[in-house]
Amino acid sequence: MDSSNTPCKLLLCGKSSAENEIAKSSMNNNTLKLPDNVEISTLLHSEILDEPQQNEESFSLSRLMNSLSTNLFGRLLIWSPLLPSTHDLVSNNFGELPIGTVCIADVQYKGRGRSKNV
């Protein structure tokens, strides 16, 4: 599956106003990059007016962020429905992202595991 012509959509969400400012700055300055000049479009979770109504068992980003009690890990969350690789996004933006940033993708089309497992 090669989706390199399709822009990668990223949703940025912070736990606090400080992380949300980092997310906003990353989006406004277009600082997040992927290898091979893959195009990225970003959206802030705060720009989504209403999260779809879900039952108790459905995943809710708002519920996750409201229940998060960590001081570091996961306070800035990057989610994408489709990415080449979560590792590539984080490693190519290491200096731009705060320590503890979590990147999640529903599908990775160039993802690799340990020992270069695909």
Protein backbone atom coordinates (compact mmCIF):
# COMPACT_ATOMS: atom_id res chain seq x y z
CA MET A 1 0.00 0.00 0.00
CA ASP A 2 1.65 3.25 -1.08
CA SER A 3 -0.21 6.31 0.09
CA SER A 4 2.66 8.78 -0.30
CA ASN A 5 0.58 11.03 -2.60
CA THR A 6 -2.10 11.46 0.05
CA PRO A 7 -1.46 14.13 2.69
CA CYS A 8 -1.14 12.70 6.19
CA LYS A 9 -3.73 14.16 8.52
CA LEU A 10 -2.63 14.75 12.09
CA LEU A 11 -4.81 15.60 15.06
CA LEU A 12 -2.89 17.30 17.87
CA CYS A 13 -4.21 17.30 21.42
CA GLY A 14 -2.63 18.54 24.65
CA LYS A 15 -3.53 17.82 28.26
CA SER A 16 -2.95 21.38 29.48
CA SER A 17 -2.87 24.84 27.98
CA ALA A 18 0.95 24.55 27.72
CA GLU A 19 0.75 21.40 25.57
CA ASN A 20 -2.08 22.91 23.54
CA GLU A 21 0.11 25.94 22.84
CA ILE A 22 2.90 23.65 21.63
CA ALA A 23 0.39 21.88 19.37
CA LYS A 24 -0.94 25.21 18.07
CA SER A 25 2.57 26.51 17.39
CA SER A 26 3.52 23.28 15.57
CA MET A 27 0.42 23.59 13.41
CA ASN A 28 0.72 27.34 12.71
CA ASN A 29 4.44 27.18 11.93
CA ASN A 30 4.11 23.99 9.89
CA THR A 31 7.05 22.53 11.80
CA LEU A 32 6.13 18.83 11.75
CA LYS A 33 7.84 16.97 8.91
CA LEU A 34 7.99 13.46 7.53
CA PRO A 35 10.75 11.88 5.41
CA ASP A 36 10.47 11.96 1.64
CA ASN A 37 8.57 15.27 1.83
CA VAL A 38 5.28 13.54 2.61
CA GLU A 39 2.67 16.28 2.91
CA ILE A 40 1.09 16.80 6.34
CA SER A 41 -2.13 18.58 7.26
CA THR A 42 -2.77 19.28 10.94
CA LEU A 43 -5.82 19.98 13.05
CA LEU A 44 -6.09 20.84 16.72
CA HIS A 45 -8.48 18.80 18.84
CA SER A 46 -9.74 22.09 20.28
CA GLU A 47 -10.92 23.09 16.77
CA ILE A 48 -13.34 20.17 16.63
CA LEU A 49 -16.64 21.57 17.81
CA ASP A 50 -18.37 18.38 18.88
CA GLU A 51 -17.00 14.93 19.35
CA PRO A 52 -19.54 12.40 18.07
CA GLN A 53 -21.82 10.99 20.76
CA GLN A 54 -20.42 7.68 21.89
CA ASN A 55 -21.42 5.08 24.40
CA GLU A 56 -19.37 4.30 27.49
CA GLU A 57 -17.34 1.62 25.70
CA SER A 58 -16.36 3.71 22.66
CA PHE A 59 -13.02 5.46 22.56
CA SER A 60 -13.22 9.15 23.37
CA LEU A 61 -10.20 11.44 23.08
CA SER A 62 -11.80 13.88 25.51
CA ARG A 63 -12.33 11.16 28.11
CA LEU A 64 -8.76 9.98 27.66
CA MET A 65 -7.25 13.42 28.12
CA ASN A 66 -9.53 14.22 31.09
CA SER A 67 -8.57 10.99 32.87
CA LEU A 68 -4.83 11.27 32.13
CA SER A 69 -2.93 11.82 35.38
CA THR A 70 0.66 11.52 34.17
CA ASN A 71 3.14 14.35 34.57
CA LEU A 72 4.97 13.64 31.32
CA PHE A 73 4.03 10.70 29.10
CA GLY A 74 1.11 11.31 26.74
CA ARG A 75 0.41 14.92 27.63
CA LEU A 76 0.80 15.79 23.94
CA LEU A 77 -0.95 13.32 21.69
CA ILE A 78 -0.62 13.07 17.91
CA TRP A 79 -3.19 10.87 16.19
CA SER A 80 -3.51 10.06 12.50
CA PRO A 81 -5.79 7.72 10.59
CA LEU A 82 -2.93 6.92 8.16
CA LEU A 83 0.82 7.50 8.48
CA PRO A 84 3.88 6.03 6.84
CA SER A 85 5.34 5.35 10.30
CA THR A 86 4.73 6.72 13.80
CA HIS A 87 8.45 6.29 14.52
CA ASP A 88 9.39 8.39 11.48
CA LEU A 89 7.08 11.20 12.60
CA VAL A 90 8.48 11.26 16.13
CA SER A 91 12.15 10.81 15.16
CA ASN A 92 12.02 13.43 12.38
CA ASN A 93 10.51 15.95 14.79
CA PHE A 94 12.46 15.01 17.91
CA GLY A 95 13.63 18.57 18.62
CA GLU A 96 10.18 20.05 18.00
CA LEU A 97 8.17 17.74 20.26
CA PRO A 98 8.24 17.70 24.05
CA ILE A 99 9.53 14.61 25.81
CA GLY A 100 6.69 12.19 26.39
CA THR A 101 4.79 12.94 23.18
CA VAL A 102 2.70 9.97 22.06
CA CYS A 103 1.99 9.26 18.40
CA ILE A 104 -0.80 6.89 17.37
CA ALA A 105 -1.91 5.83 13.90
CA ASP A 106 -4.79 3.61 12.89
CA VAL A 107 -2.74 2.38 9.90
CA GLN A 108 0.99 2.55 9.15
CA TYR A 109 1.94 1.70 5.58
CA LYS A 110 5.72 1.78 6.16
CA GLY A 111 5.75 0.80 9.83
CA ARG A 112 8.57 -1.37 11.14
CA GLY A 113 8.92 -3.35 14.34
CA ARG A 114 11.91 -4.72 16.14
CA SER A 115 14.57 -6.29 13.97
CA LYS A 116 13.03 -4.48 10.97
CA ASN A 117 9.85 -6.58 11.11
CA VAL A 118 7.08 -5.05 8.98
